[in-house]
Amino acid sequence: MAAILSVSGSPSATSRTGRLLRHIDARLVGGGHDVSALDVRDLPADALLGADFGHPAIVDAAERFARADGIVIGTPVYKAAYSGLLKALLDLLPQYALAGKTVLPLATGGSTAHVLAIDYALRPVLSSMGAAHIVPGWFTLDKDITVEGDRTVIAPASAAALEQAADVFSAELRGRVSVLTP
């Protein structure tokens, strides 16, 4: 079906945001999509902070965005906004890196006070980068994401909402890909 790039803007290797994304990735793969993950924390800090547009890792990340039909962007919310790490990457991508793309924004945080971060902080940036369609995203409380052994467990109400968001994203991608492919 569609090629999807799943981007984690969390600086933590053990983040709930990353676990949430891998959970959504599995659902999208189960729906027939080809999903690849990009953890921004794995990109060289000197390239991100030094705005090194020509660094091979940054060039590769930009190419991965270009090849994708859809983008899932996940971020923890810090001080009512998406992570600075994610901001550093988005600033290094071409102005219209999301042109023609369908985007699913996801966020995690410790308080419902941050629930509007997707709509008031992240969505405007994604829109300014030319996203063709930004489907309704979802904010998940940290407490709703737990780990049991190697398994990520999402609280039932959050899991149902996330599955619906992923399914809307998947359906939108199917429609766009079928229109673009003869």
N, C-alpha and C. Protein backbone atom coordinates (compact mmCIF):
# COMPACT_ATOMS: atom_id res chain seq x y z
N MET A 1 0.84 -1.19 0.00
CA MET A 1 0.00 0.00 0.00
C MET A 1 0.87 1.24 0.00
N ALA A 2 0.82 1.99 1.09
CA ALA A 2 1.54 3.26 1.19
C ALA A 2 2.84 3.10 1.97
N ALA A 3 3.79 3.95 1.64
CA ALA A 3 5.04 4.03 2.40
C ALA A 3 4.85 5.09 3.48
N ILE A 4 5.09 4.70 4.72
CA ILE A 4 4.87 5.59 5.85
C ILE A 4 6.18 5.76 6.62
N LEU A 5 6.49 7.00 6.96
CA LEU A 5 7.62 7.30 7.82
C LEU A 5 7.06 7.67 9.19
N SER A 6 7.48 6.95 10.21
CA SER A 6 7.02 7.16 11.58
C SER A 6 8.15 7.83 12.36
N VAL A 7 7.92 9.09 12.74
CA VAL A 7 8.98 9.94 13.30
C VAL A 7 8.74 10.18 14.80
N SER A 8 9.72 9.81 15.61
CA SER A 8 9.64 10.08 17.04
C SER A 8 10.51 11.28 17.38
N GLY A 9 9.90 12.29 17.98
CA GLY A 9 10.62 13.48 18.39
C GLY A 9 11.04 13.44 19.85
N SER A 10 11.03 12.27 20.45
CA SER A 10 11.41 12.16 21.86
C SER A 10 12.92 12.02 22.02
N PRO A 11 13.49 12.72 22.98
CA PRO A 11 14.93 12.56 23.23
C PRO A 11 15.27 11.31 24.03
N SER A 12 14.27 10.61 24.55
CA SER A 12 14.51 9.46 25.41
C SER A 12 14.41 8.14 24.64
N ALA A 13 15.37 7.26 24.87
CA ALA A 13 15.34 5.93 24.24
C ALA A 13 14.26 5.04 24.83
N THR A 14 13.78 5.36 26.01
CA THR A 14 12.75 4.55 26.66
C THR A 14 11.43 5.32 26.76
N SER A 15 11.18 6.21 25.83
CA SER A 15 10.03 7.10 25.93
C SER A 15 8.70 6.41 25.66
N ARG A 16 7.68 6.95 26.27
CA ARG A 16 6.32 6.49 26.00
C ARG A 16 5.92 6.89 24.58
N THR A 17 6.41 8.01 24.13
CA THR A 17 6.11 8.45 22.76
C THR A 17 6.60 7.41 21.76
N GLY A 18 7.82 6.94 21.93
CA GLY A 18 8.36 5.91 21.04
C GLY A 18 7.55 4.63 21.11
N ARG A 19 7.16 4.24 22.29
CA ARG A 19 6.35 3.02 22.45
C ARG A 19 4.99 3.18 21.78
N LEU A 20 4.40 4.36 21.94
CA LEU A 20 3.12 4.65 21.30
C LEU A 20 3.25 4.56 19.77
N LEU A 21 4.31 5.13 19.24
CA LEU A 21 4.52 5.08 17.79
C LEU A 21 4.70 3.65 17.30
N ARG A 22 5.49 2.84 18.01
CA ARG A 22 5.69 1.46 17.56
C ARG A 22 4.37 0.69 17.62
N HIS A 23 3.51 1.02 18.57
CA HIS A 23 2.18 0.41 18.66
C HIS A 23 1.34 0.77 17.43
N ILE A 24 1.35 2.04 17.05
CA ILE A 24 0.62 2.50 15.86
C ILE A 24 1.25 1.91 14.60
N ASP A 25 2.58 1.87 14.56
CA ASP A 25 3.28 1.29 13.41
C ASP A 25 2.80 -0.13 13.14
N ALA A 26 2.69 -0.91 14.21
CA ALA A 26 2.26 -2.31 14.07
C ALA A 26 0.86 -2.38 13.48
N ARG A 27 -0.02 -1.50 13.90
CA ARG A 27 -1.38 -1.48 13.35
C ARG A 27 -1.35 -1.13 11.86
N LEU A 28 -0.52 -0.16 11.50
CA LEU A 28 -0.43 0.25 10.09
C LEU A 28 0.19 -0.86 9.23
N VAL A 29 1.20 -1.53 9.74
CA VAL A 29 1.79 -2.67 9.02
C VAL A 29 0.74 -3.76 8.85
N GLY A 30 -0.04 -4.01 9.91
CA GLY A 30 -1.12 -4.99 9.83
C GLY A 30 -2.16 -4.61 8.79
N GLY A 31 -2.26 -3.33 8.49
CA GLY A 31 -3.18 -2.84 7.46
C GLY A 31 -2.58 -2.85 6.07
N GLY A 32 -1.37 -3.40 5.94
CA GLY A 32 -0.76 -3.54 4.63
C GLY A 32 0.19 -2.43 4.22
N HIS A 33 0.49 -1.51 5.11
CA HIS A 33 1.40 -0.41 4.78
C HIS A 33 2.85 -0.79 5.08
N ASP A 34 3.76 -0.14 4.41
CA ASP A 34 5.19 -0.29 4.64
C ASP A 34 5.61 0.85 5.55
N VAL A 35 6.01 0.53 6.77
CA VAL A 35 6.34 1.56 7.76
C VAL A 35 7.82 1.49 8.12
N SER A 36 8.48 2.65 8.10
CA SER A 36 9.85 2.72 8.60
C SER A 36 9.90 3.78 9.70
N ALA A 37 10.75 3.53 10.68
CA ALA A 37 10.84 4.42 11.84
C ALA A 37 12.06 5.33 11.74
N LEU A 38 11.88 6.55 12.21
CA LEU A 38 12.97 7.51 12.33
C LEU A 38 12.90 8.10 13.73
N ASP A 39 13.88 7.78 14.56
CA ASP A 39 13.97 8.37 15.89
C ASP A 39 14.95 9.53 15.78
N VAL A 40 14.44 10.74 15.94
CA VAL A 40 15.27 11.93 15.74
C VAL A 40 16.46 11.92 16.69
N ARG A 41 16.31 11.34 17.88
CA ARG A 41 17.42 11.30 18.84
C ARG A 41 18.63 10.53 18.30
N ASP A 42 18.44 9.70 17.27
CA ASP A 42 19.55 8.95 16.69
C ASP A 42 20.35 9.76 15.67
N LEU A 43 19.82 10.92 15.29
CA LEU A 43 20.56 11.79 14.36
C LEU A 43 21.67 12.50 15.13
N PRO A 44 22.77 12.84 14.47
CA PRO A 44 23.88 13.49 15.18
C PRO A 44 23.47 14.85 15.75
N ALA A 45 23.72 15.02 17.05
CA ALA A 45 23.36 16.27 17.72
C ALA A 45 24.07 17.46 17.09
N ASP A 46 25.33 17.28 16.70
CA ASP A 46 26.07 18.40 16.10
C ASP A 46 25.43 18.85 14.79
N ALA A 47 24.89 17.92 14.02
CA ALA A 47 24.22 18.28 12.76
C ALA A 47 22.91 18.99 13.04
N LEU A 48 22.15 18.50 14.01
CA LEU A 48 20.87 19.13 14.35
C LEU A 48 21.07 20.52 14.93
N LEU A 49 21.94 20.64 15.92
CA LEU A 49 22.13 21.92 16.61
C LEU A 49 22.96 22.91 15.81
N GLY A 50 23.80 22.39 14.92
CA GLY A 50 24.62 23.27 14.08
C GLY A 50 23.97 23.59 12.75
N ALA A 51 22.73 23.15 12.56
CA ALA A 51 21.99 23.39 11.31
C ALA A 51 22.82 22.99 10.09
N ASP A 52 23.35 21.77 10.15
CA ASP A 52 24.18 21.25 9.07
C ASP A 52 23.29 20.55 8.04
N PHE A 53 22.73 21.34 7.13
CA PHE A 53 21.82 20.82 6.11
C PHE A 53 22.47 19.75 5.23
N GLY A 54 23.79 19.82 5.05
CA GLY A 54 24.49 18.89 4.18
C GLY A 54 25.01 17.64 4.86
N HIS A 55 24.81 17.52 6.16
CA HIS A 55 25.29 16.32 6.87
C HIS A 55 24.58 15.10 6.29
N PRO A 56 25.33 14.03 6.02
CA PRO A 56 24.72 12.84 5.40
C PRO A 56 23.49 12.31 6.14
N ALA A 57 23.48 12.36 7.46
CA ALA A 57 22.33 11.85 8.21
C ALA A 57 21.10 12.76 8.01
N ILE A 58 21.32 14.05 7.90
CA ILE A 58 20.21 14.99 7.67
C ILE A 58 19.71 14.85 6.24
N VAL A 59 20.61 14.71 5.30
CA VAL A 59 20.23 14.49 3.90
C VAL A 59 19.41 13.21 3.78
N ASP A 60 19.87 12.15 4.45
CA ASP A 60 19.14 10.88 4.43
C ASP A 60 17.74 11.04 5.04
N ALA A 61 17.64 11.75 6.15
CA ALA A 61 16.33 11.96 6.78
C ALA A 61 15.40 12.72 5.83
N ALA A 62 15.92 13.75 5.18
CA ALA A 62 15.10 14.52 4.22
C ALA A 62 14.64 13.63 3.06
N GLU A 63 15.52 12.75 2.60
CA GLU A 63 15.15 11.82 1.52
C GLU A 63 14.07 10.84 1.97
N ARG A 64 14.15 10.42 3.22
CA ARG A 64 13.13 9.50 3.76
C ARG A 64 11.77 10.20 3.81
N PHE A 65 11.75 11.46 4.19
CA PHE A 65 10.50 12.23 4.16
C PHE A 65 9.99 12.31 2.73
N ALA A 66 10.88 12.58 1.78
CA ALA A 66 10.47 12.74 0.38
C ALA A 66 9.88 11.45 -0.19
N ARG A 67 10.40 10.30 0.20
CA ARG A 67 9.92 9.02 -0.33
C ARG A 67 8.60 8.56 0.28
N ALA A 68 8.25 9.08 1.42
CA ALA A 68 7.05 8.61 2.12
C ALA A 68 5.77 9.20 1.53
N ASP A 69 4.73 8.37 1.53
CA ASP A 69 3.39 8.85 1.15
C ASP A 69 2.72 9.51 2.34
N GLY A 70 3.01 8.98 3.53
CA GLY A 70 2.41 9.49 4.75
C GLY A 70 3.44 9.57 5.86
N ILE A 71 3.19 10.48 6.79
CA ILE A 71 4.09 10.69 7.91
C ILE A 71 3.29 10.62 9.20
N VAL A 72 3.78 9.81 10.14
CA VAL A 72 3.25 9.83 11.50
C VAL A 72 4.29 10.54 12.33
N ILE A 73 3.89 11.61 13.02
CA ILE A 73 4.83 12.36 13.84
C ILE A 73 4.36 12.28 15.28
N GLY A 74 5.24 11.76 16.14
CA GLY A 74 4.94 11.66 17.55
C GLY A 74 5.91 12.49 18.36
N THR A 75 5.39 13.16 19.37
CA THR A 75 6.23 14.00 20.21
C THR A 75 5.72 14.03 21.64
N PRO A 76 6.65 14.07 22.59
CA PRO A 76 6.21 14.40 23.94
C PRO A 76 5.92 15.89 23.98
N VAL A 77 5.07 16.31 24.89
CA VAL A 77 4.77 17.73 25.04
C VAL A 77 5.57 18.26 26.22
N TYR A 78 6.35 19.29 25.93
CA TYR A 78 7.12 19.99 26.96
C TYR A 78 6.71 21.45 26.92
N LYS A 79 6.30 21.98 28.04
CA LYS A 79 5.93 23.40 28.14
C LYS A 79 4.93 23.80 27.05
N ALA A 80 3.92 22.96 26.87
CA ALA A 80 2.79 23.21 25.96
C ALA A 80 3.17 23.21 24.48
N ALA A 81 4.29 22.58 24.13
CA ALA A 81 4.69 22.53 22.73
C ALA A 81 5.38 21.20 22.43
N TYR A 82 5.60 20.93 21.16
CA TYR A 82 6.32 19.73 20.75
C TYR A 82 7.78 19.87 21.14
N SER A 83 8.51 18.77 21.09
CA SER A 83 9.89 18.76 21.58
C SER A 83 10.82 19.63 20.74
N GLY A 84 11.82 20.17 21.40
CA GLY A 84 12.85 20.95 20.71
C GLY A 84 13.64 20.08 19.74
N LEU A 85 13.79 18.81 20.08
CA LEU A 85 14.49 17.88 19.19
C LEU A 85 13.75 17.76 17.86
N LEU A 86 12.42 17.61 17.93
CA LEU A 86 11.63 17.55 16.70
C LEU A 86 11.73 18.86 15.94
N LYS A 87 11.68 19.97 16.65
CA LYS A 87 11.79 21.30 16.02
C LYS A 87 13.12 21.42 15.27
N ALA A 88 14.20 20.94 15.88
CA ALA A 88 15.51 21.02 15.24
C ALA A 88 15.51 20.28 13.90
N LEU A 89 14.88 19.10 13.85
CA LEU A 89 14.82 18.36 12.58
C LEU A 89 13.92 19.08 11.58
N LEU A 90 12.73 19.48 11.99
CA LEU A 90 11.80 20.13 11.06
C LEU A 90 12.43 21.39 10.46
N ASP A 91 13.23 22.10 11.24
CA ASP A 91 13.90 23.30 10.74
C ASP A 91 14.92 22.98 9.65
N LEU A 92 15.45 21.77 9.64
CA LEU A 92 16.47 21.40 8.65
C LEU A 92 15.88 20.78 7.38
N LEU A 93 14.60 20.46 7.40
CA LEU A 93 13.97 19.89 6.21
C LEU A 93 13.62 21.00 5.23
N PRO A 94 13.49 20.66 3.94
CA PRO A 94 13.07 21.66 2.97
C PRO A 94 11.73 22.28 3.38
N GLN A 95 11.50 23.53 2.99
CA GLN A 95 10.29 24.25 3.37
C GLN A 95 9.02 23.44 3.11
N TYR A 96 8.95 22.77 1.98
CA TYR A 96 7.74 22.01 1.63
C TYR A 96 7.99 20.50 1.68
N ALA A 97 8.69 20.06 2.70
CA ALA A 97 9.02 18.64 2.85
C ALA A 97 7.77 17.77 3.00
N LEU A 98 6.65 18.35 3.39
CA LEU A 98 5.43 17.57 3.57
C LEU A 98 4.43 17.76 2.44
N ALA A 99 4.85 18.43 1.37
CA ALA A 99 3.95 18.66 0.23
C ALA A 99 3.44 17.34 -0.32
N GLY A 100 2.12 17.24 -0.45
CA GLY A 100 1.51 16.04 -0.98
C GLY A 100 1.39 14.90 0.01
N LYS A 101 1.81 15.10 1.25
CA LYS A 101 1.80 14.04 2.26
C LYS A 101 0.54 14.11 3.12
N THR A 102 0.14 12.96 3.60
CA THR A 102 -0.88 12.87 4.63
C THR A 102 -0.13 12.68 5.94
N VAL A 103 -0.53 13.42 6.97
CA VAL A 103 0.20 13.42 8.23
C VAL A 103 -0.74 13.09 9.39
N LEU A 104 -0.26 12.23 10.29
CA LEU A 104 -0.95 11.90 11.53
C LEU A 104 -0.10 12.41 12.69
N PRO A 105 -0.53 13.47 13.38
CA PRO A 105 0.21 13.97 14.53
C PRO A 105 -0.25 13.29 15.83
N LEU A 106 0.71 12.87 16.63
CA LEU A 106 0.43 12.24 17.92
C LEU A 106 1.28 12.92 18.99
N ALA A 107 0.75 13.01 20.20
CA ALA A 107 1.52 13.60 21.29
C ALA A 107 1.25 12.85 22.58
N THR A 108 2.23 12.90 23.46
CA THR A 108 2.09 12.32 24.79
C THR A 108 2.45 13.39 25.81
N GLY A 109 1.87 13.27 27.00
CA GLY A 109 2.19 14.23 28.05
C GLY A 109 1.61 13.81 29.37
N GLY A 110 2.03 14.48 30.40
CA GLY A 110 1.64 14.12 31.74
C GLY A 110 0.33 14.72 32.22
N SER A 111 -0.21 15.66 31.47
CA SER A 111 -1.41 16.36 31.93
C SER A 111 -2.32 16.71 30.76
N THR A 112 -3.61 16.68 31.01
CA THR A 112 -4.57 17.07 29.97
C THR A 112 -4.46 18.56 29.66
N ALA A 113 -3.72 19.31 30.47
CA ALA A 113 -3.51 20.73 30.18
C ALA A 113 -2.77 20.92 28.86
N HIS A 114 -2.12 19.86 28.38
CA HIS A 114 -1.34 19.96 27.14
C HIS A 114 -2.05 19.37 25.92
N VAL A 115 -3.30 19.04 26.06
CA VAL A 115 -4.02 18.35 24.99
C VAL A 115 -4.09 19.18 23.69
N LEU A 116 -4.07 20.48 23.80
CA LEU A 116 -4.18 21.33 22.60
C LEU A 116 -2.84 21.58 21.90
N ALA A 117 -1.76 21.00 22.42
CA ALA A 117 -0.45 21.20 21.80
C ALA A 117 -0.42 20.74 20.35
N ILE A 118 -1.17 19.70 20.04
CA ILE A 118 -1.20 19.22 18.64
C ILE A 118 -1.79 20.31 17.74
N ASP A 119 -2.93 20.86 18.13
CA ASP A 119 -3.63 21.82 17.27
C ASP A 119 -3.01 23.21 17.27
N TYR A 120 -2.43 23.63 18.39
CA TYR A 120 -1.93 25.00 18.47
C TYR A 120 -0.43 25.13 18.31
N ALA A 121 0.32 24.06 18.45
CA ALA A 121 1.77 24.13 18.29
C ALA A 121 2.25 23.32 17.08
N LEU A 122 1.83 22.07 16.98
CA LEU A 122 2.36 21.19 15.93
C LEU A 122 1.67 21.35 14.58
N ARG A 123 0.35 21.37 14.58
CA ARG A 123 -0.41 21.45 13.33
C ARG A 123 -0.01 22.66 12.45
N PRO A 124 0.17 23.86 13.01
CA PRO A 124 0.57 24.99 12.16
C PRO A 124 1.91 24.78 11.44
N VAL A 125 2.85 24.14 12.13
CA VAL A 125 4.16 23.88 11.50
C VAL A 125 4.00 22.86 10.37
N LEU A 126 3.25 21.81 10.62
CA LEU A 126 3.03 20.79 9.60
C LEU A 126 2.32 21.38 8.39
N SER A 127 1.37 22.24 8.65
CA SER A 127 0.64 22.90 7.57
C SER A 127 1.57 23.82 6.77
N SER A 128 2.42 24.56 7.47
CA SER A 128 3.34 25.48 6.77
C SER A 128 4.35 24.73 5.91
N MET A 129 4.55 23.44 6.21
CA MET A 129 5.48 22.63 5.44
C MET A 129 4.79 21.94 4.26
N GLY A 130 3.52 22.32 4.02
CA GLY A 130 2.83 21.88 2.82
C GLY A 130 2.05 20.59 2.91
N ALA A 131 1.81 20.07 4.10
CA ALA A 131 1.07 18.81 4.22
C ALA A 131 -0.24 18.90 3.44
N ALA A 132 -0.51 17.89 2.62
CA ALA A 132 -1.74 17.87 1.84
C ALA A 132 -2.95 17.68 2.73
N HIS A 133 -2.79 16.84 3.75
CA HIS A 133 -3.90 16.57 4.66
C HIS A 133 -3.33 16.17 6.01
N ILE A 134 -3.74 16.86 7.05
CA ILE A 134 -3.36 16.52 8.41
C ILE A 134 -4.61 15.94 9.06
N VAL A 135 -4.60 14.64 9.27
CA VAL A 135 -5.78 13.99 9.86
C VAL A 135 -5.84 14.34 11.34
N PRO A 136 -7.02 14.21 11.95
CA PRO A 136 -7.11 14.49 13.38
C PRO A 136 -6.12 13.63 14.17
N GLY A 137 -5.34 14.29 14.99
CA GLY A 137 -4.34 13.58 15.78
C GLY A 137 -4.91 13.15 17.12
N TRP A 138 -4.02 12.68 17.98
CA TRP A 138 -4.46 12.23 19.29
C TRP A 138 -3.39 12.48 20.34
N PHE A 139 -3.82 13.00 21.49
CA PHE A 139 -2.96 13.21 22.64
C PHE A 139 -3.22 12.08 23.64
N THR A 140 -2.16 11.44 24.10
CA THR A 140 -2.29 10.34 25.05
C THR A 140 -1.55 10.70 26.33
N LEU A 141 -2.23 10.53 27.44
CA LEU A 141 -1.59 10.75 28.74
C LEU A 141 -0.51 9.70 28.98
N ASP A 142 0.59 10.13 29.56
CA ASP A 142 1.67 9.19 29.89
C ASP A 142 1.17 8.01 30.71
N LYS A 143 0.27 8.27 31.65
CA LYS A 143 -0.22 7.21 32.53
C LYS A 143 -1.01 6.14 31.78
N ASP A 144 -1.44 6.46 30.56
CA ASP A 144 -2.20 5.50 29.75
C ASP A 144 -1.31 4.59 28.91
N ILE A 145 0.00 4.77 29.02
CA ILE A 145 0.97 3.94 28.28
C ILE A 145 1.85 3.24 29.31
N THR A 146 1.70 1.93 29.41
CA THR A 146 2.50 1.17 30.37
C THR A 146 3.24 0.04 29.64
N VAL A 147 4.17 -0.53 30.34
CA VAL A 147 4.98 -1.62 29.78
C VAL A 147 4.81 -2.85 30.65
N GLU A 148 4.50 -3.96 30.00
CA GLU A 148 4.41 -5.25 30.68
C GLU A 148 5.36 -6.19 29.96
N GLY A 149 6.53 -6.39 30.55
CA GLY A 149 7.57 -7.18 29.88
C GLY A 149 8.08 -6.41 28.67
N ASP A 150 7.97 -7.01 27.48
CA ASP A 150 8.36 -6.35 26.24
C ASP A 150 7.18 -5.71 25.54
N ARG A 151 6.02 -5.82 26.14
CA ARG A 151 4.78 -5.40 25.50
C ARG A 151 4.33 -4.02 25.99
N THR A 152 3.93 -3.17 25.05
CA THR A 152 3.35 -1.87 25.39
C THR A 152 1.85 -2.04 25.53
N VAL A 153 1.32 -1.54 26.63
CA VAL A 153 -0.11 -1.63 26.88
C VAL A 153 -0.67 -0.22 26.93
N ILE A 154 -1.69 0.01 26.11
CA ILE A 154 -2.36 1.31 26.08
C ILE A 154 -3.71 1.14 26.77
N ALA A 155 -4.05 2.07 27.66
CA ALA A 155 -5.35 2.01 28.35
C ALA A 155 -6.46 1.90 27.31
N PRO A 156 -7.51 1.12 27.59
CA PRO A 156 -8.55 0.83 26.60
C PRO A 156 -9.16 2.05 25.89
N ALA A 157 -9.51 3.09 26.62
CA ALA A 157 -10.12 4.26 25.96
C ALA A 157 -9.13 4.93 25.01
N SER A 158 -7.89 5.07 25.45
CA SER A 158 -6.87 5.67 24.60
C SER A 158 -6.57 4.77 23.40
N ALA A 159 -6.50 3.47 23.65
CA ALA A 159 -6.22 2.52 22.56
C ALA A 159 -7.28 2.61 21.48
N ALA A 160 -8.53 2.70 21.88
CA ALA A 160 -9.62 2.78 20.90
C ALA A 160 -9.51 4.07 20.08
N ALA A 161 -9.22 5.18 20.74
CA ALA A 161 -9.08 6.46 20.03
C ALA A 161 -7.88 6.45 19.09
N LEU A 162 -6.78 5.86 19.54
CA LEU A 162 -5.58 5.76 18.70
C LEU A 162 -5.82 4.88 17.48
N GLU A 163 -6.50 3.77 17.69
CA GLU A 163 -6.81 2.88 16.57
C GLU A 163 -7.69 3.59 15.55
N GLN A 164 -8.64 4.37 16.04
CA GLN A 164 -9.49 5.12 15.12
C GLN A 164 -8.67 6.16 14.35
N ALA A 165 -7.77 6.86 15.04
CA ALA A 165 -6.91 7.85 14.36
C ALA A 165 -6.04 7.16 13.30
N ALA A 166 -5.47 6.01 13.65
CA ALA A 166 -4.65 5.26 12.70
C ALA A 166 -5.47 4.78 11.51
N ASP A 167 -6.69 4.35 11.77
CA ASP A 167 -7.55 3.86 10.69
C ASP A 167 -7.98 4.98 9.75
N VAL A 168 -8.24 6.16 10.29
CA VAL A 168 -8.58 7.32 9.45
C VAL A 168 -7.37 7.69 8.59
N PHE A 169 -6.20 7.70 9.20
CA PHE A 169 -4.95 7.98 8.48
C PHE A 169 -4.74 6.96 7.36
N SER A 170 -4.92 5.68 7.69
CA SER A 170 -4.75 4.60 6.72
C SER A 170 -5.73 4.74 5.56
N ALA A 171 -6.98 5.03 5.86
CA ALA A 171 -7.99 5.18 4.81
C ALA A 171 -7.66 6.38 3.92
N GLU A 172 -7.22 7.46 4.52
CA GLU A 172 -6.85 8.65 3.74
C GLU A 172 -5.68 8.32 2.81
N LEU A 173 -4.70 7.59 3.33
CA LEU A 173 -3.56 7.19 2.51
C LEU A 173 -3.99 6.29 1.35
N ARG A 174 -4.85 5.34 1.64
CA ARG A 174 -5.32 4.44 0.58
C ARG A 174 -5.99 5.24 -0.54
N GLY A 175 -6.80 6.21 -0.16
CA GLY A 175 -7.47 7.05 -1.15
C GLY A 175 -6.49 7.87 -1.97
N ARG A 176 -5.50 8.44 -1.31
CA ARG A 176 -4.51 9.28 -2.02
C ARG A 176 -3.62 8.44 -2.92
N VAL A 177 -3.17 7.28 -2.41
CA VAL A 177 -2.27 6.43 -3.21
C VAL A 177 -3.01 5.88 -4.43
N SER A 178 -4.28 5.51 -4.26
CA SER A 178 -5.02 4.95 -5.40
C SER A 178 -5.27 6.01 -6.46
N VAL A 179 -5.41 7.27 -6.04
CA VAL A 179 -5.61 8.36 -7.00
C VAL A 179 -4.31 8.65 -7.76
N LEU A 180 -3.18 8.52 -7.06
CA LEU A 180 -1.88 8.83 -7.66
C LEU A 180 -1.30 7.69 -8.49
N THR A 181 -1.77 6.46 -8.25
CA THR A 181 -1.25 5.30 -8.95
C THR A 181 -2.24 4.82 -9.98
N PRO A 182 -1.83 4.77 -11.27
CA PRO A 182 -2.77 4.32 -12.29
C PRO A 182 -3.10 2.83 -12.16
